[in-house]
Structure formats: structure tokens, C-alpha cells
Amino acid sequence: MTLLIQHCPACRRYQYHPRPLCAGCGNPDLWSVEAAGTGTVDSFTTVHRADVPYTVARVRLTEGPIVLTHLIGIPEPRCDQPVRLTWHEGLAVFTSE
């Protein structure tokens, strides 16, 4: 499995989530490219509502866009922590590098 993000060849901007036009320059000619699968934690919160707590985070991809995701296997996450994309039960999640 891969995480696809959009790339604008006109302004060289990457964006996620998919849109019909580039958010930077309005170009309709966007390419779908595979994300590197690395990034850093921008912010996070740990939810203690279920039997097992889980962490939701904003991760800034290496290419620049921010994705909302779960962190798995990181008992004490911190901002600016490097993370790597992995797949868990069909969902894109991030774990420590």
C-alpha cells in the first residue's frame, strides 16, 4: 500500500487531501505521487475514552502537507518527533522511525 499525495508541476507544491485544483496556484493539472512515508509530529493528543488509550496526531509529511492520523507504538510522543508511515488494519498510521 502507498499514500498518494498531489503534486503541482507549475508551482512545485504538494497537497493532501486531493482537490481538483492546486491550492497554491489554481493549476488543474495535478499529478498523484507516492509520499516518502516520513514526517514529523506537528501536534498530538492522547484519547483516554476507550479501554486502550490511542493517540491522534497531525503529522507534517516530508513533502510538506499535514495529515491527521494515529500514532502507534509511541508510548510518549513529542512534537517534532520523526515518524514513519506504516499500515495497520488497512489504515495509514505512523510509528517512530
N, C-alpha and C. Protein backbone atom coordinates (compact mmCIF):
# COMPACT_ATOMS: atom_id res chain seq x y z
N MET A 1 0.83 -1.18 0.00
CA MET A 1 0.00 0.00 0.00
C MET A 1 0.88 1.24 0.00
N THR A 2 0.37 2.28 -0.61
CA THR A 2 1.11 3.54 -0.65
C THR A 2 0.18 4.69 -0.33
N LEU A 3 0.74 5.78 0.16
CA LEU A 3 0.00 7.00 0.40
C LEU A 3 0.28 7.94 -0.76
N LEU A 4 -0.76 8.30 -1.50
CA LEU A 4 -0.61 9.20 -2.63
C LEU A 4 -0.96 10.61 -2.21
N ILE A 5 -0.15 11.56 -2.67
CA ILE A 5 -0.42 12.97 -2.46
C ILE A 5 -0.37 13.64 -3.83
N GLN A 6 -0.91 14.84 -3.93
CA GLN A 6 -0.90 15.54 -5.21
C GLN A 6 0.31 16.46 -5.30
N HIS A 7 0.85 16.57 -6.51
CA HIS A 7 1.98 17.47 -6.78
C HIS A 7 1.61 18.35 -7.96
N CYS A 8 1.88 19.64 -7.83
CA CYS A 8 1.62 20.59 -8.90
C CYS A 8 2.93 20.85 -9.64
N PRO A 9 3.01 20.51 -10.92
CA PRO A 9 4.25 20.76 -11.66
C PRO A 9 4.49 22.25 -11.92
N ALA A 10 3.43 23.07 -11.87
CA ALA A 10 3.59 24.50 -12.15
C ALA A 10 4.29 25.23 -10.99
N CYS A 11 3.82 25.01 -9.76
CA CYS A 11 4.41 25.73 -8.61
C CYS A 11 5.21 24.82 -7.68
N ARG A 12 5.25 23.53 -8.01
CA ARG A 12 6.03 22.53 -7.28
C ARG A 12 5.52 22.30 -5.85
N ARG A 13 4.26 22.60 -5.61
CA ARG A 13 3.66 22.42 -4.30
C ARG A 13 3.05 21.02 -4.19
N TYR A 14 3.15 20.42 -3.00
CA TYR A 14 2.47 19.17 -2.70
C TYR A 14 1.24 19.49 -1.87
N GLN A 15 0.19 18.71 -2.03
CA GLN A 15 -1.01 18.92 -1.21
C GLN A 15 -1.69 17.60 -0.89
N TYR A 16 -2.33 17.61 0.25
CA TYR A 16 -3.13 16.48 0.69
C TYR A 16 -4.22 17.09 1.56
N HIS A 17 -5.33 16.80 1.27
CA HIS A 17 -6.17 15.85 0.61
C HIS A 17 -6.36 16.24 -0.85
N PRO A 18 -6.76 15.27 -1.69
CA PRO A 18 -6.92 15.55 -3.11
C PRO A 18 -7.97 16.62 -3.39
N ARG A 19 -7.63 17.51 -4.32
CA ARG A 19 -8.52 18.59 -4.75
C ARG A 19 -8.45 18.68 -6.27
N PRO A 20 -9.45 19.31 -6.89
CA PRO A 20 -9.41 19.42 -8.35
C PRO A 20 -8.41 20.45 -8.86
N LEU A 21 -8.01 21.39 -8.00
CA LEU A 21 -7.06 22.45 -8.39
C LEU A 21 -5.96 22.56 -7.35
N CYS A 22 -4.81 23.06 -7.77
CA CYS A 22 -3.72 23.33 -6.83
C CYS A 22 -4.14 24.44 -5.89
N ALA A 23 -3.96 24.23 -4.59
CA ALA A 23 -4.32 25.25 -3.60
C ALA A 23 -3.37 26.45 -3.66
N GLY A 24 -2.21 26.28 -4.27
CA GLY A 24 -1.24 27.36 -4.35
C GLY A 24 -1.41 28.27 -5.55
N CYS A 25 -1.65 27.66 -6.73
CA CYS A 25 -1.69 28.47 -7.95
C CYS A 25 -2.94 28.26 -8.79
N GLY A 26 -3.79 27.31 -8.42
CA GLY A 26 -5.02 27.07 -9.16
C GLY A 26 -4.87 26.19 -10.39
N ASN A 27 -3.71 25.64 -10.61
CA ASN A 27 -3.45 24.77 -11.76
C ASN A 27 -4.31 23.50 -11.67
N PRO A 28 -5.04 23.15 -12.74
CA PRO A 28 -5.84 21.92 -12.71
C PRO A 28 -5.05 20.66 -13.07
N ASP A 29 -3.82 20.82 -13.55
CA ASP A 29 -3.00 19.69 -13.98
C ASP A 29 -2.15 19.18 -12.83
N LEU A 30 -2.73 18.34 -11.97
CA LEU A 30 -2.03 17.82 -10.80
C LEU A 30 -1.63 16.37 -11.01
N TRP A 31 -0.49 16.00 -10.47
CA TRP A 31 -0.01 14.64 -10.55
C TRP A 31 -0.20 13.97 -9.20
N SER A 32 -0.52 12.68 -9.20
CA SER A 32 -0.54 11.88 -7.98
C SER A 32 0.81 11.22 -7.84
N VAL A 33 1.47 11.44 -6.72
CA VAL A 33 2.80 10.87 -6.48
C VAL A 33 2.79 10.14 -5.14
N GLU A 34 3.67 9.19 -5.00
CA GLU A 34 3.78 8.44 -3.75
C GLU A 34 4.53 9.27 -2.72
N ALA A 35 3.96 9.41 -1.53
CA ALA A 35 4.64 10.13 -0.45
C ALA A 35 5.84 9.31 0.02
N ALA A 36 6.84 10.01 0.52
CA ALA A 36 8.05 9.33 1.01
C ALA A 36 7.75 8.43 2.20
N GLY A 37 6.69 8.75 2.93
CA GLY A 37 6.32 7.92 4.08
C GLY A 37 7.02 8.32 5.36
N THR A 38 7.60 9.51 5.36
CA THR A 38 8.25 10.03 6.56
C THR A 38 7.72 11.41 6.88
N GLY A 39 7.87 11.80 8.13
CA GLY A 39 7.42 13.13 8.53
C GLY A 39 7.76 13.38 9.98
N THR A 40 7.18 14.44 10.54
CA THR A 40 7.40 14.77 11.94
C THR A 40 6.05 15.09 12.60
N VAL A 41 5.96 14.80 13.87
CA VAL A 41 4.75 15.08 14.62
C VAL A 41 4.63 16.60 14.78
N ASP A 42 3.51 17.14 14.32
CA ASP A 42 3.24 18.58 14.42
C ASP A 42 2.52 18.88 15.74
N SER A 43 1.53 18.08 16.08
CA SER A 43 0.82 18.16 17.36
C SER A 43 0.10 16.83 17.58
N PHE A 44 -0.35 16.59 18.81
CA PHE A 44 -1.00 15.31 19.09
C PHE A 44 -1.84 15.43 20.34
N THR A 45 -2.73 14.46 20.52
CA THR A 45 -3.48 14.31 21.76
C THR A 45 -3.72 12.83 21.99
N THR A 46 -3.71 12.42 23.23
CA THR A 46 -3.99 11.03 23.57
C THR A 46 -5.40 10.96 24.12
N VAL A 47 -6.21 10.09 23.54
CA VAL A 47 -7.61 9.93 23.92
C VAL A 47 -7.69 8.78 24.92
N HIS A 48 -8.30 9.04 26.07
CA HIS A 48 -8.41 8.04 27.13
C HIS A 48 -9.85 7.56 27.30
N ARG A 49 -10.63 7.60 26.26
CA ARG A 49 -12.05 7.25 26.37
C ARG A 49 -12.30 5.75 26.24
N ALA A 50 -11.52 5.06 25.49
CA ALA A 50 -11.71 3.62 25.27
C ALA A 50 -10.93 2.82 26.31
N ASP A 51 -11.05 1.50 26.25
CA ASP A 51 -10.29 0.64 27.17
C ASP A 51 -8.79 0.85 26.99
N VAL A 52 -8.38 1.01 25.74
CA VAL A 52 -6.97 1.23 25.43
C VAL A 52 -6.82 2.64 24.87
N PRO A 53 -6.03 3.49 25.53
CA PRO A 53 -5.85 4.85 25.01
C PRO A 53 -5.23 4.83 23.62
N TYR A 54 -5.54 5.84 22.81
CA TYR A 54 -4.93 5.96 21.49
C TYR A 54 -4.55 7.41 21.25
N THR A 55 -3.56 7.59 20.37
CA THR A 55 -3.03 8.92 20.11
C THR A 55 -3.37 9.34 18.68
N VAL A 56 -3.98 10.51 18.57
CA VAL A 56 -4.29 11.12 17.28
C VAL A 56 -3.29 12.25 17.08
N ALA A 57 -2.74 12.37 15.87
CA ALA A 57 -1.70 13.38 15.64
C ALA A 57 -1.85 14.04 14.28
N ARG A 58 -1.34 15.25 14.23
CA ARG A 58 -1.10 15.93 12.95
C ARG A 58 0.36 15.65 12.63
N VAL A 59 0.59 15.05 11.46
CA VAL A 59 1.95 14.75 11.03
C VAL A 59 2.24 15.55 9.77
N ARG A 60 3.34 16.31 9.81
CA ARG A 60 3.78 17.04 8.63
C ARG A 60 4.67 16.11 7.81
N LEU A 61 4.19 15.76 6.63
CA LEU A 61 4.96 14.88 5.75
C LEU A 61 6.24 15.58 5.30
N THR A 62 7.23 14.80 4.93
CA THR A 62 8.49 15.35 4.44
C THR A 62 8.25 16.30 3.27
N GLU A 63 7.24 16.00 2.46
CA GLU A 63 6.92 16.84 1.30
C GLU A 63 6.23 18.15 1.68
N GLY A 64 5.71 18.25 2.92
CA GLY A 64 5.10 19.49 3.38
C GLY A 64 3.66 19.42 3.86
N PRO A 65 2.77 18.66 3.19
CA PRO A 65 1.38 18.62 3.66
C PRO A 65 1.24 18.01 5.05
N ILE A 66 0.16 18.37 5.73
CA ILE A 66 -0.14 17.82 7.04
C ILE A 66 -1.27 16.80 6.90
N VAL A 67 -1.11 15.65 7.55
CA VAL A 67 -2.16 14.62 7.57
C VAL A 67 -2.57 14.37 9.01
N LEU A 68 -3.84 14.07 9.20
CA LEU A 68 -4.37 13.69 10.51
C LEU A 68 -4.34 12.17 10.57
N THR A 69 -3.76 11.60 11.62
CA THR A 69 -3.51 10.17 11.66
C THR A 69 -3.44 9.67 13.10
N HIS A 70 -3.22 8.39 13.25
CA HIS A 70 -2.97 7.78 14.55
C HIS A 70 -1.48 7.51 14.69
N LEU A 71 -0.98 7.59 15.90
CA LEU A 71 0.39 7.16 16.20
C LEU A 71 0.29 5.81 16.91
N ILE A 72 1.10 4.87 16.49
CA ILE A 72 1.08 3.52 17.07
C ILE A 72 2.49 3.17 17.54
N GLY A 73 2.56 2.58 18.72
CA GLY A 73 3.85 2.12 19.24
C GLY A 73 4.75 3.24 19.73
N ILE A 74 4.17 4.39 20.05
CA ILE A 74 4.94 5.51 20.58
C ILE A 74 4.35 5.85 21.95
N PRO A 75 4.89 5.30 23.03
CA PRO A 75 4.29 5.49 24.35
C PRO A 75 4.33 6.94 24.83
N GLU A 76 5.36 7.70 24.46
CA GLU A 76 5.47 9.09 24.88
C GLU A 76 5.80 9.96 23.67
N PRO A 77 4.80 10.27 22.84
CA PRO A 77 5.08 11.09 21.66
C PRO A 77 5.48 12.51 22.06
N ARG A 78 6.17 13.19 21.12
CA ARG A 78 6.54 14.57 21.35
C ARG A 78 6.51 15.31 20.01
N CYS A 79 6.30 16.59 20.07
CA CYS A 79 6.30 17.40 18.86
C CYS A 79 7.69 17.38 18.23
N ASP A 80 7.73 17.45 16.91
CA ASP A 80 8.96 17.40 16.11
C ASP A 80 9.63 16.02 16.10
N GLN A 81 8.95 15.01 16.64
CA GLN A 81 9.48 13.65 16.63
C GLN A 81 9.38 13.08 15.22
N PRO A 82 10.47 12.51 14.68
CA PRO A 82 10.39 11.87 13.36
C PRO A 82 9.55 10.61 13.42
N VAL A 83 8.71 10.41 12.40
CA VAL A 83 7.85 9.24 12.32
C VAL A 83 7.87 8.68 10.91
N ARG A 84 7.44 7.42 10.81
CA ARG A 84 7.41 6.71 9.52
C ARG A 84 6.03 6.11 9.31
N LEU A 85 5.58 6.16 8.08
CA LEU A 85 4.29 5.60 7.68
C LEU A 85 4.32 4.08 7.74
N THR A 86 3.24 3.51 8.25
CA THR A 86 3.03 2.08 8.21
C THR A 86 1.54 1.85 8.02
N TRP A 87 1.15 0.63 7.81
CA TRP A 87 -0.27 0.31 7.60
C TRP A 87 -0.72 -0.63 8.68
N HIS A 88 -1.87 -0.32 9.30
CA HIS A 88 -2.41 -1.13 10.38
C HIS A 88 -3.90 -1.33 10.10
N GLU A 89 -4.28 -2.58 9.85
CA GLU A 89 -5.68 -2.92 9.54
C GLU A 89 -6.23 -2.07 8.39
N GLY A 90 -5.39 -1.85 7.38
CA GLY A 90 -5.81 -1.12 6.19
C GLY A 90 -5.78 0.39 6.32
N LEU A 91 -5.36 0.91 7.47
CA LEU A 91 -5.30 2.35 7.67
C LEU A 91 -3.86 2.84 7.71
N ALA A 92 -3.63 4.02 7.16
CA ALA A 92 -2.31 4.64 7.24
C ALA A 92 -2.12 5.19 8.64
N VAL A 93 -1.09 4.74 9.34
CA VAL A 93 -0.75 5.22 10.68
C VAL A 93 0.74 5.50 10.69
N PHE A 94 1.21 6.16 11.72
CA PHE A 94 2.63 6.46 11.82
C PHE A 94 3.20 5.88 13.10
N THR A 95 4.47 5.47 13.03
CA THR A 95 5.18 4.92 14.16
C THR A 95 6.55 5.60 14.22
N SER A 96 7.28 5.40 15.30
CA SER A 96 8.59 6.05 15.41
C SER A 96 9.55 5.50 14.38
N GLU A 97 10.47 6.36 13.95
CA GLU A 97 11.45 5.96 12.92
C GLU A 97 12.48 5.02 13.48
